[in-house]
Structure formats: structure tokens, C-alpha cells
């Protein structure tokens, strides 16, 4: 049996009690581009082909709605973990990491204003030497806000 032709995540939708507050977090803190505002929702670009929808509660046109998510991950480009850690630290936001995972991947974890855990994930690339970059294998204590 051939594997399905899935190439990544196209869209994640989050339910927002305060649409403006979540937009400020994803656009202002994480730097995602707002690509559309449509009344009860905001769309943000998450890489070249993915997007995050922020939706106010309520049924939508296809019978769906935003959901309460526990955790999701956004892929970070090469070298981006250090820049994001510095950005979050400068903004005095609480986060955990960078955390090194088996195989060399590294992540930062933080919560958005609705309590969703957002993972910022730097996937190890073949041939990349990250063995001595000063990133601990275990998560440090969360930064204080």
C-alpha cells in the first residue's frame, strides 16, 4: 500500500473568545502575516502553504467551527529557534526551551492568550551539526513574564 500523498498541514483553526487578542499574539508576537479578515475570523499565513484561522465561537457555513486545541507545532526555518527565543525573551513572555529532541530537532513551547500550547519546531536537517550549540537536552524552567 502506498503512503497517502500528504505533504504537511494546510490549516489549523483556533476558537477565539477575543479575536483581536489572538491576532495580536500571532501577528505581533510570532510575526505571522495577516492574510484576511472576514467578520468573525482572521486568517494568518503559516509558511508558504499553510494558514491559521482564528474564529469566534459559533457554527460556520460548512457546519464546522474553530476548535479548542491542546497543542500544535509551527515549523521554524534554519536558525530561527535562536531568533525566536531572543524575540520572546525581549518581549518578556514566558516560554520553555529551546528543548533538544532525539535526532537533533529543537522546540520552544509557549501558550497563546487562549491557553493553546504553541510549539515552534526547528526540524534538524541532514548534515547539520547541532551537537555543541549550547542548547540543553532537557527543558529549562519557563521564563517569567
N, C-alpha and C. Protein backbone atom coordinates (compact mmCIF):
# COMPACT_ATOMS: atom_id res chain seq x y z
N UNK A 1 0.84 -1.17 0.00
CA UNK A 1 0.00 0.00 0.00
C UNK A 1 0.89 1.24 0.00
N UNK A 2 0.58 2.18 -0.87
CA UNK A 2 1.35 3.43 -0.94
C UNK A 2 0.92 4.37 0.17
N UNK A 3 1.90 5.15 0.68
CA UNK A 3 1.52 6.13 1.70
C UNK A 3 0.65 7.23 1.09
N UNK A 4 -0.21 7.85 1.90
CA UNK A 4 -1.05 8.92 1.37
C UNK A 4 -0.18 10.10 0.94
N UNK A 5 -0.64 10.85 -0.06
CA UNK A 5 0.15 11.97 -0.57
C UNK A 5 0.02 13.23 0.28
N UNK A 6 0.16 13.08 1.58
CA UNK A 6 0.07 14.24 2.48
C UNK A 6 1.44 14.90 2.55
N UNK A 7 1.48 16.19 2.37
CA UNK A 7 2.76 16.90 2.36
C UNK A 7 2.92 17.89 3.51
N UNK A 8 1.94 17.99 4.40
CA UNK A 8 2.05 18.89 5.53
C UNK A 8 0.69 19.36 5.98
N UNK A 9 0.67 20.25 6.94
CA UNK A 9 -0.58 20.80 7.45
C UNK A 9 -0.96 22.01 6.61
N UNK A 10 -2.20 22.03 6.13
CA UNK A 10 -2.67 23.15 5.32
C UNK A 10 -3.31 24.23 6.20
N UNK A 11 -4.01 23.79 7.26
CA UNK A 11 -4.76 24.76 8.04
C UNK A 11 -5.03 24.22 9.44
N UNK A 12 -4.96 25.12 10.41
CA UNK A 12 -5.38 24.86 11.78
C UNK A 12 -6.31 26.01 12.14
N UNK A 13 -7.45 25.71 12.73
CA UNK A 13 -8.34 26.78 13.18
C UNK A 13 -8.45 26.72 14.70
N UNK A 14 -8.38 27.87 15.31
CA UNK A 14 -8.46 28.00 16.76
C UNK A 14 -9.67 28.84 17.11
N UNK A 15 -10.39 28.45 18.14
CA UNK A 15 -11.52 29.24 18.60
C UNK A 15 -11.00 30.37 19.48
N UNK A 16 -11.48 31.57 19.25
CA UNK A 16 -11.01 32.76 19.95
C UNK A 16 -12.17 33.45 20.65
N UNK A 17 -12.06 33.60 21.95
CA UNK A 17 -13.06 34.41 22.67
C UNK A 17 -12.82 35.89 22.36
N UNK A 18 -11.53 36.24 22.17
CA UNK A 18 -11.15 37.63 21.87
C UNK A 18 -10.29 37.61 20.61
N UNK A 19 -10.93 37.84 19.49
CA UNK A 19 -10.27 37.74 18.19
C UNK A 19 -9.07 38.67 18.09
N UNK A 20 -9.21 39.89 18.54
CA UNK A 20 -8.13 40.89 18.46
C UNK A 20 -6.93 40.47 19.30
N UNK A 21 -7.18 39.93 20.49
CA UNK A 21 -6.10 39.49 21.37
C UNK A 21 -5.29 38.37 20.73
N UNK A 22 -5.97 37.38 20.13
CA UNK A 22 -5.24 36.30 19.47
C UNK A 22 -4.53 36.79 18.22
N UNK A 23 -5.16 37.68 17.45
CA UNK A 23 -4.48 38.24 16.28
C UNK A 23 -3.21 38.97 16.70
N UNK A 24 -3.29 39.75 17.76
CA UNK A 24 -2.11 40.47 18.25
C UNK A 24 -1.00 39.50 18.64
N UNK A 25 -1.36 38.36 19.24
CA UNK A 25 -0.35 37.37 19.62
C UNK A 25 0.31 36.76 18.39
N UNK A 26 -0.49 36.22 17.47
CA UNK A 26 0.09 35.51 16.32
C UNK A 26 0.79 36.46 15.34
N UNK A 27 0.24 37.64 15.13
CA UNK A 27 0.87 38.60 14.22
C UNK A 27 1.97 39.39 14.93
N UNK A 28 1.69 39.90 16.12
CA UNK A 28 2.65 40.74 16.82
C UNK A 28 3.78 40.00 17.48
N UNK A 29 3.47 38.90 18.18
CA UNK A 29 4.50 38.16 18.90
C UNK A 29 5.24 37.21 17.98
N UNK A 30 4.51 36.38 17.21
CA UNK A 30 5.16 35.40 16.35
C UNK A 30 5.48 35.92 14.97
N UNK A 31 4.95 37.08 14.60
CA UNK A 31 5.29 37.69 13.32
C UNK A 31 4.60 37.10 12.11
N UNK A 32 3.47 36.39 12.31
CA UNK A 32 2.74 35.84 11.16
C UNK A 32 1.99 36.95 10.44
N UNK A 33 1.92 36.83 9.14
CA UNK A 33 1.24 37.83 8.31
C UNK A 33 -0.27 37.59 8.29
N UNK A 34 -1.04 38.64 8.56
CA UNK A 34 -2.50 38.56 8.42
C UNK A 34 -2.81 38.59 6.93
N UNK A 35 -3.47 37.54 6.44
CA UNK A 35 -3.78 37.48 5.01
C UNK A 35 -5.24 37.81 4.72
N UNK A 36 -6.11 37.75 5.74
CA UNK A 36 -7.52 38.12 5.53
C UNK A 36 -8.22 38.31 6.87
N UNK A 37 -9.16 39.22 6.86
CA UNK A 37 -10.09 39.41 7.98
C UNK A 37 -11.49 39.27 7.39
N UNK A 38 -12.29 38.37 7.93
CA UNK A 38 -13.62 38.09 7.36
C UNK A 38 -14.68 38.09 8.46
N UNK A 39 -14.99 39.24 9.01
CA UNK A 39 -16.06 39.34 10.01
C UNK A 39 -15.73 38.62 11.30
N UNK A 40 -16.10 37.33 11.38
CA UNK A 40 -15.92 36.56 12.61
C UNK A 40 -14.65 35.73 12.62
N UNK A 41 -13.71 36.02 11.70
CA UNK A 41 -12.47 35.24 11.65
C UNK A 41 -11.33 36.04 11.05
N UNK A 42 -10.12 35.60 11.37
CA UNK A 42 -8.89 36.18 10.83
C UNK A 42 -8.04 35.01 10.33
N UNK A 43 -7.40 35.19 9.18
CA UNK A 43 -6.50 34.18 8.62
C UNK A 43 -5.08 34.72 8.63
N UNK A 44 -4.14 33.88 9.06
CA UNK A 44 -2.72 34.24 9.10
C UNK A 44 -1.92 33.22 8.30
N UNK A 45 -0.93 33.69 7.57
CA UNK A 45 -0.05 32.79 6.84
C UNK A 45 0.87 32.08 7.83
N UNK A 46 1.02 30.78 7.65
CA UNK A 46 1.94 29.97 8.45
C UNK A 46 2.84 29.22 7.48
N UNK A 47 3.83 29.92 6.95
CA UNK A 47 4.68 29.35 5.92
C UNK A 47 4.08 29.59 4.55
N UNK A 48 4.73 29.08 3.51
CA UNK A 48 4.29 29.37 2.15
C UNK A 48 2.96 28.73 1.76
N UNK A 49 2.54 27.65 2.43
CA UNK A 49 1.32 26.97 2.01
C UNK A 49 0.33 26.71 3.14
N UNK A 50 0.66 27.09 4.36
CA UNK A 50 -0.23 26.81 5.48
C UNK A 50 -0.84 28.08 6.03
N UNK A 51 -1.91 27.91 6.82
CA UNK A 51 -2.53 29.07 7.43
C UNK A 51 -3.16 28.67 8.76
N UNK A 52 -3.33 29.69 9.60
CA UNK A 52 -4.00 29.53 10.88
C UNK A 52 -5.24 30.41 10.85
N UNK A 53 -6.37 29.83 11.17
CA UNK A 53 -7.61 30.57 11.27
C UNK A 53 -7.94 30.83 12.72
N UNK A 54 -8.28 32.05 13.03
CA UNK A 54 -8.75 32.44 14.36
C UNK A 54 -10.23 32.75 14.21
N UNK A 55 -11.09 31.97 14.84
CA UNK A 55 -12.52 32.08 14.64
C UNK A 55 -13.24 32.38 15.95
N UNK A 56 -14.19 33.30 15.89
CA UNK A 56 -15.08 33.49 17.03
C UNK A 56 -15.99 32.26 17.14
N UNK A 57 -16.48 31.94 18.34
CA UNK A 57 -17.34 30.76 18.50
C UNK A 57 -18.59 30.86 17.63
N UNK A 58 -19.13 29.70 17.27
CA UNK A 58 -20.38 29.65 16.51
C UNK A 58 -20.23 28.81 15.26
N UNK A 59 -21.35 28.31 14.79
CA UNK A 59 -21.36 27.48 13.59
C UNK A 59 -20.99 28.31 12.37
N UNK A 60 -20.25 27.72 11.47
CA UNK A 60 -19.81 28.39 10.24
C UNK A 60 -20.57 27.82 9.04
N UNK A 61 -20.24 28.30 7.87
CA UNK A 61 -21.02 27.97 6.67
C UNK A 61 -21.02 26.49 6.28
N UNK A 62 -20.03 25.72 6.71
CA UNK A 62 -20.00 24.30 6.37
C UNK A 62 -20.33 23.42 7.58
N UNK A 63 -20.93 24.02 8.61
CA UNK A 63 -21.29 23.27 9.79
C UNK A 63 -20.13 23.03 10.74
N UNK A 64 -18.98 23.60 10.42
CA UNK A 64 -17.82 23.41 11.29
C UNK A 64 -17.64 24.62 12.18
N UNK A 65 -16.64 24.58 13.00
CA UNK A 65 -16.32 25.69 13.89
C UNK A 65 -14.86 25.55 14.31
N UNK A 66 -14.31 26.62 14.84
CA UNK A 66 -12.96 26.54 15.38
C UNK A 66 -12.96 25.57 16.54
N UNK A 67 -11.81 25.06 16.89
CA UNK A 67 -11.75 24.07 17.95
C UNK A 67 -10.81 24.45 19.06
N UNK A 68 -11.00 23.87 20.21
CA UNK A 68 -10.07 24.03 21.33
C UNK A 68 -8.97 23.00 21.11
N UNK A 69 -7.79 23.48 20.94
CA UNK A 69 -6.65 22.59 20.69
C UNK A 69 -5.74 22.59 21.90
N UNK A 70 -5.13 21.48 22.16
CA UNK A 70 -4.22 21.37 23.28
C UNK A 70 -2.82 21.78 22.83
N UNK A 71 -2.44 21.41 21.61
CA UNK A 71 -1.07 21.62 21.15
C UNK A 71 -1.02 21.54 19.63
N UNK A 72 -0.22 22.39 19.04
CA UNK A 72 0.13 22.26 17.63
C UNK A 72 1.50 22.86 17.44
N UNK A 73 2.14 22.53 16.33
CA UNK A 73 3.51 22.99 16.09
C UNK A 73 3.60 23.76 14.78
N UNK A 74 4.39 24.84 14.82
CA UNK A 74 4.72 25.61 13.62
C UNK A 74 6.18 25.34 13.30
N UNK A 75 6.46 25.02 12.05
CA UNK A 75 7.83 24.76 11.64
C UNK A 75 8.60 26.07 11.54
N UNK A 76 9.82 26.06 12.03
CA UNK A 76 10.69 27.23 12.04
C UNK A 76 11.84 26.97 11.06
N UNK A 77 12.23 27.98 10.31
CA UNK A 77 13.34 27.85 9.37
C UNK A 77 14.68 27.69 10.08
N UNK A 78 15.68 27.30 9.31
CA UNK A 78 17.03 27.09 9.84
C UNK A 78 17.50 28.30 10.63
N UNK A 79 17.99 28.06 11.84
CA UNK A 79 18.50 29.14 12.67
C UNK A 79 17.43 29.99 13.33
N UNK A 80 16.18 29.68 13.10
CA UNK A 80 15.11 30.50 13.61
C UNK A 80 14.81 30.35 15.09
N UNK A 81 15.17 29.21 15.67
CA UNK A 81 14.90 28.98 17.09
C UNK A 81 15.58 30.03 17.96
N UNK A 82 16.84 30.31 17.68
CA UNK A 82 17.58 31.29 18.48
C UNK A 82 16.95 32.67 18.35
N UNK A 83 16.58 33.05 17.14
CA UNK A 83 15.97 34.36 16.92
C UNK A 83 14.63 34.46 17.63
N UNK A 84 13.83 33.39 17.59
CA UNK A 84 12.54 33.41 18.27
C UNK A 84 12.70 33.45 19.78
N UNK A 85 13.66 32.70 20.32
CA UNK A 85 13.91 32.73 21.76
C UNK A 85 14.30 34.14 22.20
N UNK A 86 15.16 34.79 21.43
CA UNK A 86 15.58 36.15 21.76
C UNK A 86 14.39 37.11 21.67
N UNK A 87 13.55 36.94 20.66
CA UNK A 87 12.37 37.80 20.48
C UNK A 87 11.40 37.66 21.66
N UNK A 88 11.10 36.41 22.03
CA UNK A 88 10.19 36.15 23.14
C UNK A 88 10.76 36.67 24.45
N UNK A 89 12.06 36.47 24.64
CA UNK A 89 12.72 36.96 25.85
C UNK A 89 12.66 38.49 25.92
N UNK A 90 12.91 39.15 24.80
CA UNK A 90 12.86 40.62 24.76
C UNK A 90 11.46 41.13 25.05
N UNK A 91 10.44 40.34 24.69
CA UNK A 91 9.05 40.72 24.94
C UNK A 91 8.61 40.30 26.35
N UNK A 92 9.52 39.68 27.08
CA UNK A 92 9.27 39.22 28.45
C UNK A 92 8.10 38.25 28.53
N UNK A 93 8.01 37.35 27.53
CA UNK A 93 6.97 36.34 27.51
C UNK A 93 7.51 35.02 28.06
N UNK A 94 6.67 34.31 28.80
CA UNK A 94 7.07 33.01 29.34
C UNK A 94 7.11 31.98 28.22
N UNK A 95 8.19 31.19 28.18
CA UNK A 95 8.31 30.09 27.23
C UNK A 95 9.26 29.06 27.81
N UNK A 96 9.26 27.89 27.21
CA UNK A 96 10.15 26.82 27.63
C UNK A 96 11.01 26.42 26.45
N UNK A 97 12.31 26.36 26.65
CA UNK A 97 13.20 25.91 25.59
C UNK A 97 14.25 26.95 25.25
N UNK A 98 15.00 26.71 24.20
CA UNK A 98 14.87 25.59 23.28
C UNK A 98 15.14 24.24 23.95
N UNK A 99 14.35 23.26 23.57
CA UNK A 99 14.46 21.89 24.05
C UNK A 99 14.97 21.05 22.88
N UNK A 100 16.01 20.25 23.12
CA UNK A 100 16.51 19.35 22.08
C UNK A 100 15.80 18.01 22.19
N UNK A 101 15.35 17.51 21.04
CA UNK A 101 14.68 16.21 20.97
C UNK A 101 15.64 15.19 20.36
N UNK A 102 15.39 13.90 20.58
CA UNK A 102 16.22 12.87 19.94
C UNK A 102 16.25 13.11 18.42
N UNK A 103 17.42 13.04 17.84
CA UNK A 103 17.57 13.27 16.40
C UNK A 103 17.99 14.68 16.06
N UNK A 104 18.01 15.58 17.07
CA UNK A 104 18.51 16.92 16.83
C UNK A 104 17.47 18.01 16.64
N UNK A 105 16.18 17.65 16.51
CA UNK A 105 15.15 18.68 16.40
C UNK A 105 15.13 19.51 17.68
N UNK A 106 14.75 20.77 17.57
CA UNK A 106 14.66 21.65 18.73
C UNK A 106 13.33 22.38 18.72
N UNK A 107 12.80 22.64 19.91
CA UNK A 107 11.50 23.30 20.03
C UNK A 107 11.49 24.32 21.14
N UNK A 108 10.60 25.29 20.97
CA UNK A 108 10.23 26.24 22.02
C UNK A 108 8.73 26.05 22.23
N UNK A 109 8.31 26.10 23.49
CA UNK A 109 6.89 25.95 23.82
C UNK A 109 6.40 27.19 24.54
N UNK A 110 5.23 27.68 24.15
CA UNK A 110 4.60 28.78 24.85
C UNK A 110 3.10 28.67 24.67
N UNK A 111 2.36 29.42 25.47
CA UNK A 111 0.91 29.42 25.35
C UNK A 111 0.44 30.72 24.72
N UNK A 112 -0.59 30.59 23.87
CA UNK A 112 -1.21 31.80 23.34
C UNK A 112 -2.21 32.33 24.38
N UNK A 113 -2.81 33.48 24.16
CA UNK A 113 -3.73 34.04 25.16
C UNK A 113 -4.96 33.19 25.47
N UNK A 114 -5.30 32.23 24.62
CA UNK A 114 -6.43 31.34 24.88
C UNK A 114 -6.00 30.05 25.58
N UNK A 115 -4.69 29.89 25.84
CA UNK A 115 -4.20 28.70 26.53
C UNK A 115 -3.78 27.57 25.62
N UNK A 116 -3.79 27.76 24.30
CA UNK A 116 -3.29 26.74 23.38
C UNK A 116 -1.78 26.67 23.49
N UNK A 117 -1.22 25.46 23.55
CA UNK A 117 0.23 25.30 23.58
C UNK A 117 0.74 25.37 22.15
N UNK A 118 1.60 26.33 21.89
CA UNK A 118 2.19 26.52 20.56
C UNK A 118 3.63 26.04 20.62
N UNK A 119 3.95 25.09 19.76
CA UNK A 119 5.33 24.61 19.65
C UNK A 119 5.94 25.24 18.42
N UNK A 120 7.11 25.81 18.57
CA UNK A 120 7.88 26.35 17.45
C UNK A 120 9.01 25.36 17.23
N UNK A 121 8.99 24.68 16.09
CA UNK A 121 9.79 23.47 15.87
C UNK A 121 10.81 23.68 14.76
N UNK A 122 12.07 23.56 15.12
CA UNK A 122 13.19 23.64 14.19
C UNK A 122 13.60 22.21 13.88
N UNK A 123 13.19 21.69 12.75
CA UNK A 123 13.48 20.31 12.37
C UNK A 123 14.93 20.20 11.93
N UNK A 124 15.66 19.23 12.52
CA UNK A 124 17.07 19.02 12.16
C UNK A 124 17.18 18.68 10.68
N UNK A 125 18.17 19.25 10.04
CA UNK A 125 18.41 19.00 8.63
C UNK A 125 19.60 18.05 8.47
N UNK A 126 19.57 17.17 7.47
CA UNK A 126 20.68 16.25 7.27
C UNK A 126 22.01 17.00 7.18
N UNK A 127 23.02 16.51 7.91
CA UNK A 127 24.34 17.12 7.87
C UNK A 127 24.51 18.30 8.80
N UNK A 128 23.45 18.72 9.46
CA UNK A 128 23.52 19.86 10.37
C UNK A 128 24.13 19.41 11.68
N UNK A 129 25.17 20.09 12.13
CA UNK A 129 25.83 19.74 13.38
C UNK A 129 25.30 20.65 14.47
N UNK A 130 24.45 20.09 15.33
CA UNK A 130 23.91 20.87 16.44
C UNK A 130 24.35 20.29 17.77
N UNK A 131 25.36 19.41 17.74
CA UNK A 131 25.79 18.73 18.96
C UNK A 131 26.38 19.67 20.00
N UNK A 132 26.94 20.80 19.60
CA UNK A 132 27.61 21.67 20.55
C UNK A 132 27.14 23.12 20.40
N UNK A 133 25.82 23.30 20.29
CA UNK A 133 25.32 24.66 20.09
C UNK A 133 24.81 25.30 21.38
N UNK A 134 25.04 24.63 22.50
CA UNK A 134 24.66 25.20 23.78
C UNK A 134 23.20 25.01 24.14
N UNK A 135 22.44 24.26 23.34
CA UNK A 135 21.04 24.02 23.64
C UNK A 135 20.95 22.77 24.49
N UNK A 136 20.31 22.87 25.61
CA UNK A 136 20.21 21.76 26.54
C UNK A 136 19.28 20.68 26.01
N UNK A 137 19.51 19.45 26.46
CA UNK A 137 18.67 18.34 26.07
C UNK A 137 17.37 18.30 26.86
N UNK A 138 17.35 18.90 28.01
CA UNK A 138 16.13 18.95 28.80
C UNK A 138 15.65 20.39 28.87
N UNK A 139 14.37 20.52 29.07
CA UNK A 139 13.79 21.87 29.08
C UNK A 139 14.18 22.62 30.34
N UNK A 140 14.63 23.87 30.20
CA UNK A 140 14.87 24.69 31.37
C UNK A 140 13.54 25.15 31.97
N UNK A 141 13.60 25.74 33.13
CA UNK A 141 12.40 26.30 33.74
C UNK A 141 11.82 27.37 32.83
N UNK A 142 10.50 27.51 32.79
CA UNK A 142 9.90 28.56 31.96
C UNK A 142 10.40 29.94 32.37
N UNK A 143 10.54 30.80 31.39
CA UNK A 143 10.92 32.20 31.66
C UNK A 143 9.76 32.87 32.38
N UNK A 144 10.06 33.88 33.10
CA UNK A 144 8.98 34.60 33.79
C UNK A 144 8.56 35.79 32.95
N UNK A 145 7.27 36.03 32.97
CA UNK A 145 6.73 37.16 32.19
C UNK A 145 6.72 38.41 33.02
